[in-house]
PDB file of N, CA and C in Angstrom:
ATOM      1  N   UNK A   1       8.412  15.498  25.451  1.00  0.00           N
ATOM      2  CA  UNK A   1       8.856  15.708  24.147  1.00  0.00           C
ATOM      3  C   UNK A   1       8.114  14.738  23.025  1.00  0.00           C
ATOM      4  N   UNK A   2       7.405  15.336  22.102  1.00  0.00           N
ATOM      5  CA  UNK A   2       6.794  14.453  21.128  1.00  0.00           C
ATOM      6  C   UNK A   2       7.622  13.651  20.257  1.00  0.00           C
ATOM      7  N   UNK A   3       7.138  12.566  19.902  1.00  0.00           N
ATOM      8  CA  UNK A   3       7.810  11.429  19.035  1.00  0.00           C
ATOM      9  C   UNK A   3       7.164  11.813  17.559  1.00  0.00           C
ATOM     10  N   UNK A   4       8.189  11.754  16.614  1.00  0.00           N
ATOM     11  CA  UNK A   4       7.768  11.918  15.281  1.00  0.00           C
ATOM     12  C   UNK A   4       7.591  10.735  14.504  1.00  0.00           C
ATOM     13  N   UNK A   5       7.884   9.609  15.096  1.00  0.00           N
ATOM     14  CA  UNK A   5       7.688   8.385  14.152  1.00  0.00           C
ATOM     15  C   UNK A   5       8.917   8.135  13.444  1.00  0.00           C
ATOM     16  N   UNK A   6       9.041   6.904  12.741  1.00  0.00           N
ATOM     17  CA  UNK A   6      10.060   6.653  11.748  1.00  0.00           C
ATOM     18  C   UNK A   6       9.805   7.259  10.408  1.00  0.00           C
ATOM     19  N   UNK A   7      11.028   7.338   9.707  1.00  0.00           N
ATOM     20  CA  UNK A   7      10.931   8.050   8.250  1.00  0.00           C
ATOM     21  C   UNK A   7       9.826   7.127   7.451  1.00  0.00           C
ATOM     22  N   UNK A   8       9.045   7.790   6.580  1.00  0.00           N
ATOM     23  CA  UNK A   8       7.973   7.084   5.937  1.00  0.00           C
ATOM     24  C   UNK A   8       6.799   6.881   6.538  1.00  0.00           C
ATOM     25  N   UNK A   9       6.643   7.549   7.859  1.00  0.00           N
ATOM     26  CA  UNK A   9       5.441   7.569   8.338  1.00  0.00           C
ATOM     27  C   UNK A   9       4.669   8.726   8.443  1.00  0.00           C
ATOM     28  N   UNK A  10       3.919   9.161   7.267  1.00  0.00           N
ATOM     29  CA  UNK A  10       3.195  10.488   7.224  1.00  0.00           C
ATOM     30  C   UNK A  10       2.279  10.617   8.129  1.00  0.00           C
ATOM     31  N   UNK A  11       1.709   9.676   8.585  1.00  0.00           N
ATOM     32  CA  UNK A  11       0.608   9.750   9.574  1.00  0.00           C
ATOM     33  C   UNK A  11       1.034   9.941  11.115  1.00  0.00           C
ATOM     34  N   UNK A  12       2.430   9.852  11.290  1.00  0.00           N
ATOM     35  CA  UNK A  12       2.924   9.809  12.741  1.00  0.00           C
ATOM     36  C   UNK A  12       2.283   8.804  13.514  1.00  0.00           C
ATOM     37  N   UNK A  13       1.920   7.538  13.057  1.00  0.00           N
ATOM     38  CA  UNK A  13       1.051   6.696  13.813  1.00  0.00           C
ATOM     39  C   UNK A  13       2.058   5.509  14.530  1.00  0.00           C
ATOM     40  N   UNK A  14       3.340   5.486  13.889  1.00  0.00           N
ATOM     41  CA  UNK A  14       4.319   4.394  14.293  1.00  0.00           C
ATOM     42  C   UNK A  14       5.303   4.845  15.373  1.00  0.00           C
ATOM     43  N   UNK A  15       5.082   6.040  16.005  1.00  0.00           N
ATOM     44  CA  UNK A  15       5.949   6.369  17.010  1.00  0.00           C
ATOM     45  C   UNK A  15       5.782   5.450  18.337  1.00  0.00           C
ATOM     46  N   UNK A  16       6.763   5.482  19.282  1.00  0.00           N
ATOM     47  CA  UNK A  16       6.655   4.597  20.257  1.00  0.00           C
ATOM     48  C   UNK A  16       5.497   5.119  21.135  1.00  0.00           C
ATOM     49  N   UNK A  17       4.511   4.316  21.219  1.00  0.00           N
ATOM     50  CA  UNK A  17       3.271   4.633  22.073  1.00  0.00           C
ATOM     51  C   UNK A  17       2.729   3.307  22.604  1.00  0.00           C
ATOM     52  N   UNK A  18       1.828   3.495  23.355  1.00  0.00           N
ATOM     53  CA  UNK A  18       1.079   2.311  24.021  1.00  0.00           C
ATOM     54  C   UNK A  18       0.070   1.646  23.032  1.00  0.00           C
ATOM     55  N   UNK A  19      -0.160   2.376  21.965  1.00  0.00           N
ATOM     56  CA  UNK A  19      -1.221   1.858  21.185  1.00  0.00           C
ATOM     57  C   UNK A  19      -0.775   1.338  19.935  1.00  0.00           C
ATOM     58  N   UNK A  20       0.490   1.127  19.766  1.00  0.00           N
ATOM     59  CA  UNK A  20       1.166   0.566  18.474  1.00  0.00           C
ATOM     60  C   UNK A  20       0.959  -0.943  18.356  1.00  0.00           C
ATOM     61  N   UNK A  21       0.813  -1.679  19.367  1.00  0.00           N
ATOM     62  CA  UNK A  21       0.396  -2.936  19.444  1.00  0.00           C
ATOM     63  C   UNK A  21      -1.101  -3.229  18.970  1.00  0.00           C
ATOM     64  N   UNK A  22      -1.923  -2.376  19.347  1.00  0.00           N
ATOM     65  CA  UNK A  22      -3.421  -2.224  18.973  1.00  0.00           C
ATOM     66  C   UNK A  22      -3.490  -2.359  17.359  1.00  0.00           C
ATOM     67  N   UNK A  23      -2.702  -1.324  16.726  1.00  0.00           N
ATOM     68  CA  UNK A  23      -2.744  -1.385  15.308  1.00  0.00           C
ATOM     69  C   UNK A  23      -1.888  -2.348  14.864  1.00  0.00           C
ATOM     70  N   UNK A  24      -0.712  -2.894  15.393  1.00  0.00           N
ATOM     71  CA  UNK A  24       0.076  -4.064  14.771  1.00  0.00           C
ATOM     72  C   UNK A  24      -0.726  -5.373  14.827  1.00  0.00           C
ATOM     73  N   UNK A  25      -1.449  -5.594  15.835  1.00  0.00           N
ATOM     74  CA  UNK A  25      -2.090  -6.942  16.036  1.00  0.00           C
ATOM     75  C   UNK A  25      -3.212  -7.266  14.956  1.00  0.00           C
ATOM     76  N   UNK A  26      -3.646  -6.066  14.251  1.00  0.00           N
ATOM     77  CA  UNK A  26      -4.900  -6.451  13.413  1.00  0.00           C
ATOM     78  C   UNK A  26      -4.512  -5.762  12.159  1.00  0.00           C
ATOM     79  N   UNK A  27      -4.335  -6.545  11.139  1.00  0.00           N
ATOM     80  CA  UNK A  27      -3.924  -5.871   9.670  1.00  0.00           C
ATOM     81  C   UNK A  27      -5.126  -5.162   9.248  1.00  0.00           C
ATOM     82  N   UNK A  28      -6.390  -5.565   9.589  1.00  0.00           N
ATOM     83  CA  UNK A  28      -7.637  -4.745   9.189  1.00  0.00           C
ATOM     84  C   UNK A  28      -7.644  -3.290   9.749  1.00  0.00           C
ATOM     85  N   UNK A  29      -6.823  -3.046  10.614  1.00  0.00           N
ATOM     86  CA  UNK A  29      -6.830  -1.646  11.418  1.00  0.00           C
ATOM     87  C   UNK A  29      -5.613  -1.129  10.694  1.00  0.00           C
ATOM     88  N   UNK A  30      -4.296  -1.846  10.677  1.00  0.00           N
ATOM     89  CA  UNK A  30      -3.102  -1.240  10.190  1.00  0.00           C
ATOM     90  C   UNK A  30      -3.342  -0.734   8.553  1.00  0.00           C
ATOM     91  N   UNK A  31      -3.713  -1.591   7.758  1.00  0.00           N
ATOM     92  CA  UNK A  31      -3.671  -1.207   6.402  1.00  0.00           C
ATOM     93  C   UNK A  31      -4.562   0.208   6.178  1.00  0.00           C
ATOM     94  N   UNK A  32      -5.810   0.203   6.488  1.00  0.00           N
ATOM     95  CA  UNK A  32      -6.540   1.487   6.379  1.00  0.00           C
ATOM     96  C   UNK A  32      -5.855   2.628   7.020  1.00  0.00           C
ATOM     97  N   UNK A  33      -5.225   2.384   8.021  1.00  0.00           N
ATOM     98  CA  UNK A  33      -4.562   3.657   8.788  1.00  0.00           C
ATOM     99  C   UNK A  33      -3.295   4.165   8.020  1.00  0.00           C
ATOM    100  N   UNK A  34      -2.606   3.199   7.333  1.00  0.00           N
ATOM    101  CA  UNK A  34      -1.341   3.515   6.697  1.00  0.00           C
ATOM    102  C   UNK A  34      -1.441   3.665   5.230  1.00  0.00           C
ATOM    103  N   UNK A  35      -2.429   3.119   4.544  1.00  0.00           N
ATOM    104  CA  UNK A  35      -2.383   3.376   3.193  1.00  0.00           C
ATOM    105  C   UNK A  35      -2.351   4.924   2.810  1.00  0.00           C
ATOM    106  N   UNK A  36      -2.085   5.133   1.334  1.00  0.00           N
ATOM    107  CA  UNK A  36      -2.259   6.586   0.990  1.00  0.00           C
ATOM    108  C   UNK A  36      -3.532   7.234   1.243  1.00  0.00           C
ATOM    109  N   UNK A  37      -3.473   8.378   1.465  1.00  0.00           N
ATOM    110  CA  UNK A  37      -4.679   9.287   1.818  1.00  0.00           C
ATOM    111  C   UNK A  37      -4.811  10.448   0.838  1.00  0.00           C
ATOM    112  N   UNK A  38      -3.993  10.604  -0.056  1.00  0.00           N
ATOM    113  CA  UNK A  38      -3.874  11.797  -1.089  1.00  0.00           C
ATOM    114  C   UNK A  38      -3.538  11.164  -2.333  1.00  0.00           C
ATOM    115  N   UNK A  39      -3.995  11.821  -3.537  1.00  0.00           N
ATOM    116  CA  UNK A  39      -3.587  11.288  -4.810  1.00  0.00           C
ATOM    117  C   UNK A  39      -4.992  11.450  -5.554  1.00  0.00           C
ATOM    118  N   UNK A  40      -4.818  10.937  -6.948  1.00  0.00           N
ATOM    119  CA  UNK A  40      -6.087  10.916  -7.744  1.00  0.00           C
ATOM    120  C   UNK A  40      -7.062   9.870  -7.159  1.00  0.00           C
ATOM    121  N   UNK A  41      -8.369  10.087  -7.696  1.00  0.00           N
ATOM    122  CA  UNK A  41      -9.195   9.308  -7.226  1.00  0.00           C
ATOM    123  C   UNK A  41      -9.011   7.708  -7.666  1.00  0.00           C
ATOM    124  N   UNK A  42      -8.357   7.531  -8.808  1.00  0.00           N
ATOM    125  CA  UNK A  42      -8.112   6.122  -9.296  1.00  0.00           C
ATOM    126  C   UNK A  42      -7.045   5.512  -8.207  1.00  0.00           C
ATOM    127  N   UNK A  43      -6.039   6.423  -8.110  1.00  0.00           N
ATOM    128  CA  UNK A  43      -4.834   5.927  -7.168  1.00  0.00           C
ATOM    129  C   UNK A  43      -5.485   5.529  -5.738  1.00  0.00           C
ATOM    130  N   UNK A  44      -6.301   6.279  -5.233  1.00  0.00           N
ATOM    131  CA  UNK A  44      -6.721   5.918  -3.846  1.00  0.00           C
ATOM    132  C   UNK A  44      -7.758   4.674  -4.075  1.00  0.00           C
ATOM    133  N   UNK A  45      -8.587   4.756  -5.051  1.00  0.00           N
ATOM    134  CA  UNK A  45      -9.324   3.476  -5.146  1.00  0.00           C
ATOM    135  C   UNK A  45      -8.662   2.249  -5.454  1.00  0.00           C
ATOM    136  N   UNK A  46      -7.647   2.266  -6.138  1.00  0.00           N
ATOM    137  CA  UNK A  46      -6.675   1.210  -6.419  1.00  0.00           C
ATOM    138  C   UNK A  46      -6.183   0.697  -5.115  1.00  0.00           C
ATOM    139  N   UNK A  47      -5.589   1.505  -4.355  1.00  0.00           N
ATOM    140  CA  UNK A  47      -4.885   0.958  -3.066  1.00  0.00           C
ATOM    141  C   UNK A  47      -6.036   0.698  -1.989  1.00  0.00           C
ATOM    142  N   UNK A  48      -7.289   1.192  -2.080  1.00  0.00           N
ATOM    143  CA  UNK A  48      -8.236   0.729  -1.183  1.00  0.00           C
ATOM    144  C   UNK A  48      -8.634  -0.701  -1.356  1.00  0.00           C
ATOM    145  N   UNK A  49      -8.507  -0.986  -2.609  1.00  0.00           N
ATOM    146  CA  UNK A  49      -8.820  -2.521  -2.936  1.00  0.00           C
ATOM    147  C   UNK A  49      -7.694  -3.490  -2.837  1.00  0.00           C
ATOM    148  N   UNK A  50      -6.666  -2.992  -2.678  1.00  0.00           N
ATOM    149  CA  UNK A  50      -5.362  -3.937  -2.717  1.00  0.00           C
ATOM    150  C   UNK A  50      -4.955  -4.542  -1.273  1.00  0.00           C
ATOM    151  N   UNK A  51      -5.622  -4.065  -0.216  1.00  0.00           N
ATOM    152  CA  UNK A  51      -5.066  -4.433   1.051  1.00  0.00           C
ATOM    153  C   UNK A  51      -4.693  -5.913   1.209  1.00  0.00           C
ATOM    154  N   UNK A  52      -5.617  -6.803   0.621  1.00  0.00           N
ATOM    155  CA  UNK A  52      -5.156  -8.178   0.739  1.00  0.00           C
ATOM    156  C   UNK A  52      -3.968  -8.555   0.090  1.00  0.00           C
ATOM    157  N   UNK A  53      -3.639  -8.108  -1.186  1.00  0.00           N
ATOM    158  CA  UNK A  53      -2.537  -8.426  -1.806  1.00  0.00           C
ATOM    159  C   UNK A  53      -1.261  -7.789  -1.181  1.00  0.00           C
ATOM    160  N   UNK A  54      -1.338  -6.609  -0.548  1.00  0.00           N
ATOM    161  CA  UNK A  54      -0.218  -6.137   0.202  1.00  0.00           C
ATOM    162  C   UNK A  54       0.054  -6.810   1.342  1.00  0.00           C
ATOM    163  N   UNK A  55      -0.950  -7.475   2.021  1.00  0.00           N
ATOM    164  CA  UNK A  55      -0.720  -8.351   3.169  1.00  0.00           C
ATOM    165  C   UNK A  55      -0.019  -9.611   2.695  1.00  0.00           C
ATOM    166  N   UNK A  56      -0.368 -10.247   1.547  1.00  0.00           N
ATOM    167  CA  UNK A  56       0.062 -11.289   1.017  1.00  0.00           C
ATOM    168  C   UNK A  56       1.648 -11.123   0.691  1.00  0.00           C
ATOM    169  N   UNK A  57       2.065  -9.889   0.131  1.00  0.00           N
ATOM    170  CA  UNK A  57       3.287  -9.425  -0.191  1.00  0.00           C
ATOM    171  C   UNK A  57       4.324  -9.477   1.261  1.00  0.00           C
ATOM    172  N   UNK A  58       3.611  -9.064   2.316  1.00  0.00           N
ATOM    173  CA  UNK A  58       4.204  -8.886   3.562  1.00  0.00           C
ATOM    174  C   UNK A  58       4.552 -10.330   4.087  1.00  0.00           C
ATOM    175  N   UNK A  59       3.448 -11.208   4.013  1.00  0.00           N
ATOM    176  CA  UNK A  59       3.765 -12.515   4.513  1.00  0.00           C
ATOM    177  C   UNK A  59       4.650 -13.195   3.680  1.00  0.00           C
ATOM    178  N   UNK A  60       4.800 -12.907   2.407  1.00  0.00           N
ATOM    179  CA  UNK A  60       5.934 -13.498   1.686  1.00  0.00           C
ATOM    180  C   UNK A  60       7.329 -13.052   2.059  1.00  0.00           C
ATOM    181  N   UNK A  61       7.304 -11.802   2.355  1.00  0.00           N
ATOM    182  CA  UNK A  61       8.483 -11.110   2.784  1.00  0.00           C
ATOM    183  C   UNK A  61       9.018 -11.928   3.994  1.00  0.00           C
ATOM    184  N   UNK A  62       8.072 -12.154   5.158  1.00  0.00           N
ATOM    185  CA  UNK A  62       8.450 -12.919   6.200  1.00  0.00           C
ATOM    186  C   UNK A  62       8.798 -14.278   6.041  1.00  0.00           C
ATOM    187  N   UNK A  63       8.311 -15.073   5.016  1.00  0.00           N
ATOM    188  CA  UNK A  63       8.793 -16.357   4.553  1.00  0.00           C
ATOM    189  C   UNK A  63      10.057 -16.289   3.978  1.00  0.00           C
ATOM    190  N   UNK A  64      10.365 -15.256   3.245  1.00  0.00           N
ATOM    191  CA  UNK A  64      11.905 -15.216   2.503  1.00  0.00           C
ATOM    192  C   UNK A  64      12.718 -15.119   3.637  1.00  0.00           C
ATOM    193  N   UNK A  65      12.385 -14.176   4.649  1.00  0.00           N
ATOM    194  CA  UNK A  65      13.434 -13.728   5.718  1.00  0.00           C
ATOM    195  C   UNK A  65      13.753 -15.174   6.442  1.00  0.00           C
ATOM    196  N   UNK A  66      12.655 -15.887   6.709  1.00  0.00           N
ATOM    197  CA  UNK A  66      12.832 -17.331   7.398  1.00  0.00           C
ATOM    198  C   UNK A  66      13.735 -18.266   6.617  1.00  0.00           C
ATOM    199  N   UNK A  67      13.329 -18.292   5.363  1.00  0.00           N
ATOM    200  CA  UNK A  67      14.145 -19.231   4.604  1.00  0.00           C
ATOM    201  C   UNK A  67      15.521 -18.919   4.431  1.00  0.00           C
ATOM    202  N   UNK A  68      15.947 -17.619   4.563  1.00  0.00           N
ATOM    203  CA  UNK A  68      17.382 -17.147   4.700  1.00  0.00           C
ATOM    204  C   UNK A  68      18.068 -17.303   5.861  1.00  0.00           C
ATOM    205  N   UNK A  69      17.243 -17.883   6.771  1.00  0.00           N
ATOM    206  CA  UNK A  69      17.800 -18.047   8.141  1.00  0.00           C
ATOM    207  C   UNK A  69      17.882 -16.771   9.092  1.00  0.00           C
ATOM    208  N   UNK A  70      17.114 -15.829   8.605  1.00  0.00           N
ATOM    209  CA  UNK A  70      16.917 -14.632   9.458  1.00  0.00           C
ATOM    210  C   UNK A  70      15.496 -14.619  10.211  1.00  0.00           C
ATOM    211  N   UNK A  71      15.620 -14.011  11.372  1.00  0.00           N
ATOM    212  CA  UNK A  71      14.443 -14.092  12.202  1.00  0.00           C
ATOM    213  C   UNK A  71      13.228 -13.048  11.430  1.00  0.00           C
ATOM    214  N   UNK A  72      12.114 -13.602  11.475  1.00  0.00           N
ATOM    215  CA  UNK A  72      11.111 -13.071  10.517  1.00  0.00           C
ATOM    216  C   UNK A  72      10.300 -11.946  11.480  1.00  0.00           C
ATOM    217  N   UNK A  73      11.147 -10.938  11.842  1.00  0.00           N
ATOM    218  CA  UNK A  73      10.707  -9.957  12.866  1.00  0.00           C
ATOM    219  C   UNK A  73      10.218  -8.616  12.319  1.00  0.00           C
ATOM    220  N   UNK A  74       9.908  -8.585  11.056  1.00  0.00           N
ATOM    221  CA  UNK A  74       9.444  -7.306  10.347  1.00  0.00           C
ATOM    222  C   UNK A  74       7.873  -7.035  10.820  1.00  0.00           C
ATOM    223  N   UNK A  75       7.650  -5.983  11.337  1.00  0.00           N
ATOM    224  CA  UNK A  75       6.266  -5.607  11.778  1.00  0.00           C
ATOM    225  C   UNK A  75       5.604  -5.181  10.734  1.00  0.00           C
ATOM    226  N   UNK A  76       4.246  -5.430  10.548  1.00  0.00           N
ATOM    227  CA  UNK A  76       3.419  -5.119   9.456  1.00  0.00           C
ATOM    228  C   UNK A  76       3.496  -3.703   9.209  1.00  0.00           C
ATOM    229  N   UNK A  77       3.333  -2.796  10.310  1.00  0.00           N
ATOM    230  CA  UNK A  77       3.301  -1.425  10.290  1.00  0.00           C
ATOM    231  C   UNK A  77       4.602  -0.790   9.690  1.00  0.00           C
ATOM    232  N   UNK A  78       5.748  -1.566   9.908  1.00  0.00           N
ATOM    233  CA  UNK A  78       7.059  -0.999   9.337  1.00  0.00           C
ATOM    234  C   UNK A  78       6.926  -1.363   7.940  1.00  0.00           C
ATOM    235  N   UNK A  79       6.541  -2.470   7.556  1.00  0.00           N
ATOM    236  CA  UNK A  79       6.612  -2.948   6.064  1.00  0.00           C
ATOM    237  C   UNK A  79       5.656  -1.901   5.530  1.00  0.00           C
ATOM    238  N   UNK A  80       4.468  -1.625   5.881  1.00  0.00           N
ATOM    239  CA  UNK A  80       3.681  -0.543   5.194  1.00  0.00           C
ATOM    240  C   UNK A  80       4.164   0.831   5.229  1.00  0.00           C
ATOM    241  N   UNK A  81       5.041   1.128   6.246  1.00  0.00           N
ATOM    242  CA  UNK A  81       5.559   2.561   6.123  1.00  0.00           C
ATOM    243  C   UNK A  81       6.632   2.837   5.123  1.00  0.00           C
ATOM    244  N   UNK A  82       7.177   1.749   4.683  1.00  0.00           N
ATOM    245  CA  UNK A  82       8.195   1.670   3.576  1.00  0.00           C
ATOM    246  C   UNK A  82       7.641   1.210   2.317  1.00  0.00           C
ATOM    247  N   UNK A  83       6.370   0.794   2.209  1.00  0.00           N
ATOM    248  CA  UNK A  83       5.905   0.053   0.920  1.00  0.00           C
ATOM    249  C   UNK A  83       5.723   1.087  -0.192  1.00  0.00           C
ATOM    250  N   UNK A  84       6.118   0.692  -1.419  1.00  0.00           N
ATOM    251  CA  UNK A  84       6.378   1.678  -2.530  1.00  0.00           C
ATOM    252  C   UNK A  84       5.096   2.092  -3.154  1.00  0.00           C
ATOM    253  N   UNK A  85       3.944   2.564  -2.397  1.00  0.00           N
ATOM    254  CA  UNK A  85       2.733   2.674  -3.080  1.00  0.00           C
ATOM    255  C   UNK A  85       2.781   3.488  -4.387  1.00  0.00           C
ATOM    256  N   UNK A  86       3.412   4.621  -4.457  1.00  0.00           N
ATOM    257  CA  UNK A  86       3.440   5.368  -5.716  1.00  0.00           C
ATOM    258  C   UNK A  86       4.148   4.699  -6.877  1.00  0.00           C
ATOM    259  N   UNK A  87       5.396   4.147  -6.552  1.00  0.00           N
ATOM    260  CA  UNK A  87       6.037   3.454  -7.589  1.00  0.00           C
ATOM    261  C   UNK A  87       5.382   2.139  -8.262  1.00  0.00           C
ATOM    262  N   UNK A  88       4.691   1.448  -7.402  1.00  0.00           N
ATOM    263  CA  UNK A  88       3.828   0.433  -7.828  1.00  0.00           C
ATOM    264  C   UNK A  88       2.677   0.780  -8.664  1.00  0.00           C
ATOM    265  N   UNK A  89       2.037   1.917  -8.478  1.00  0.00           N
ATOM    266  CA  UNK A  89       0.940   2.381  -9.050  1.00  0.00           C
ATOM    267  C   UNK A  89       1.556   3.045 -10.349  1.00  0.00           C
ATOM    268  N   UNK A  90       2.548   3.588 -10.506  1.00  0.00           N
ATOM    269  CA  UNK A  90       3.046   4.238 -11.643  1.00  0.00           C
ATOM    270  C   UNK A  90       3.606   3.105 -12.630  1.00  0.00           C
ATOM    271  N   UNK A  91       3.949   1.970 -12.128  1.00  0.00           N
ATOM    272  CA  UNK A  91       4.163   0.885 -13.201  1.00  0.00           C
ATOM    273  C   UNK A  91       3.076   0.229 -13.900  1.00  0.00           C
ATOM    274  N   UNK A  92       1.931   0.498 -13.266  1.00  0.00           N
ATOM    275  CA  UNK A  92       0.735  -0.131 -13.953  1.00  0.00           C
ATOM    276  C   UNK A  92       0.350   0.512 -15.210  1.00  0.00           C
ATOM    277  N   UNK A  93      -0.332  -0.214 -16.177  1.00  0.00           N
ATOM    278  CA  UNK A  93      -0.873   0.286 -17.316  1.00  0.00           C
ATOM    279  C   UNK A  93      -2.041   1.064 -16.972  1.00  0.00           C
ATOM    280  N   UNK A  94      -2.751   1.830 -17.860  1.00  0.00           N
ATOM    281  CA  UNK A  94      -3.813   2.583 -17.639  1.00  0.00           C
ATOM    282  C   UNK A  94      -5.031   1.934 -17.207  1.00  0.00           C
ATOM    283  N   UNK A  95      -5.213   0.718 -17.977  1.00  0.00           N
ATOM    284  CA  UNK A  95      -6.345  -0.023 -17.584  1.00  0.00           C
ATOM    285  C   UNK A  95      -6.295  -0.797 -16.258  1.00  0.00           C
ATOM    286  N   UNK A  96      -5.126  -1.060 -15.791  1.00  0.00           N
ATOM    287  CA  UNK A  96      -5.010  -1.621 -14.413  1.00  0.00           C
ATOM    288  C   UNK A  96      -5.133  -0.540 -13.269  1.00  0.00           C
ATOM    289  N   UNK A  97      -4.941   0.793 -13.741  1.00  0.00           N
ATOM    290  CA  UNK A  97      -5.130   1.949 -12.790  1.00  0.00           C
ATOM    291  C   UNK A  97      -6.572   2.127 -12.693  1.00  0.00           C
ATOM    292  N   UNK A  98      -7.449   1.655 -13.688  1.00  0.00           N
ATOM    293  CA  UNK A  98      -8.899   1.967 -13.744  1.00  0.00           C
ATOM    294  C   UNK A  98      -9.119   3.146 -14.494  1.00  0.00           C
ATOM    295  N   UNK A  99      -8.352   3.484 -15.424  1.00  0.00           N
ATOM    296  CA  UNK A  99      -8.509   4.534 -16.340  1.00  0.00           C
ATOM    297  C   UNK A  99      -9.128   4.049 -17.597  1.00  0.00           C
ATOM    298  N   UNK A 100     -10.226   4.654 -17.936  1.00  0.00           N
ATOM    299  CA  UNK A 100     -10.875   4.076 -19.122  1.00  0.00           C
ATOM    300  C   UNK A 100     -10.251   4.912 -20.436  1.00  0.00           C
ATOM    301  N   UNK A 101      -9.626   4.065 -21.245  1.00  0.00           N
ATOM    302  CA  UNK A 101      -8.761   4.604 -22.381  1.00  0.00           C
ATOM    303  C   UNK A 101      -9.640   4.873 -23.654  1.00  0.00           C
ATOM    304  N   UNK A 102     -10.727   4.229 -23.494  1.00  0.00           N
ATOM    305  CA  UNK A 102     -11.572   4.127 -24.757  1.00  0.00           C
ATOM    306  C   UNK A 102     -12.273   5.812 -24.921  1.00  0.00           C
ATOM    307  N   UNK A 103     -12.362   6.498 -23.710  1.00  0.00           N
ATOM    308  CA  UNK A 103     -12.933   7.759 -24.049  1.00  0.00           C
ATOM    309  C   UNK A 103     -12.063   8.665 -24.613  1.00  0.00           C
ATOM    310  N   UNK A 104     -10.743   8.363 -24.706  1.00  0.00           N
ATOM    311  CA  UNK A 104      -9.536   9.223 -25.611  1.00  0.00           C
ATOM    312  C   UNK A 104      -9.579   8.686 -26.840  1.00  0.00           C
ATOM    313  N   UNK A 105     -10.017   7.502 -27.320  1.00  0.00           N
ATOM    314  CA  UNK A 105      -9.737   7.058 -28.493  1.00  0.00           C
ATOM    315  C   UNK A 105     -11.190   6.453 -29.067  1.00  0.00           C
ATOM    316  N   UNK A 106     -12.097   7.515 -29.685  1.00  0.00           N
ATOM    317  CA  UNK A 106     -13.141   6.878 -30.055  1.00  0.00           C
ATOM    318  C   UNK A 106     -13.247   5.855 -31.095  1.00  0.00           C
ATOM    319  N   UNK A 107     -14.213   5.002 -31.139  1.00  0.00           N
ATOM    320  CA  UNK A 107     -14.251   3.901 -32.104  1.00  0.00           C
ATOM    321  C   UNK A 107     -14.200   4.561 -33.553  1.00  0.00           C
ATOM    322  N   UNK A 108     -13.745   3.776 -34.427  1.00  0.00           N
ATOM    323  CA  UNK A 108     -13.758   4.122 -35.968  1.00  0.00           C
ATOM    324  C   UNK A 108     -15.023   3.851 -36.456  1.00  0.00           C
ATOM    325  N   UNK A 109     -15.695   4.786 -37.228  1.00  0.00           N
ATOM    326  CA  UNK A 109     -16.916   4.526 -37.941  1.00  0.00           C
ATOM    327  C   UNK A 109     -16.585   4.634 -39.315  1.00  0.00           C
ATOM    328  N   UNK A 110     -17.076   3.831 -40.151  1.00  0.00           N
ATOM    329  CA  UNK A 110     -17.182   3.694 -41.666  1.00  0.00           C
ATOM    330  C   UNK A 110     -18.593   4.136 -42.235  1.00  0.00           C
ATOM    331  N   UNK A 111     -18.522   5.181 -43.011  1.00  0.00           N
ATOM    332  CA  UNK A 111     -19.659   5.572 -43.691  1.00  0.00           C
ATOM    333  C   UNK A 111     -19.459   5.108 -45.200  1.00  0.00           C
ATOM    334  N   UNK A 112     -20.775   4.520 -45.531  1.00  0.00           N
ATOM    335  CA  UNK A 112     -20.787   4.333 -47.132  1.00  0.00           C
ATOM    336  C   UNK A 112     -21.561   5.018 -47.842  1.00  0.00           C
TER     337      UNK A 112
END
């Protein structure tokens, strides 16, 4: 019977399988495998460049868990499968998203 992976796993990569540890053990494999694959070019470019920041957010989450007395047992792949990629991108301003707003507002020219 095929496994369908946990909710939030659009690539079906997180189902119980013998290769999960291979992906889990290397963040350089996990992030490219689980980051968004569809959307506008600026959305995809933004997340392609943000792997290091997402990893730092994950490590911060583990630290918070430990400081609260909880076992820091959140797997990176589980964190990525629930990461709010779209919401985080939507909260950015146009320039942060890589959208050039100057082309919509040409400079003012005075003629004498």
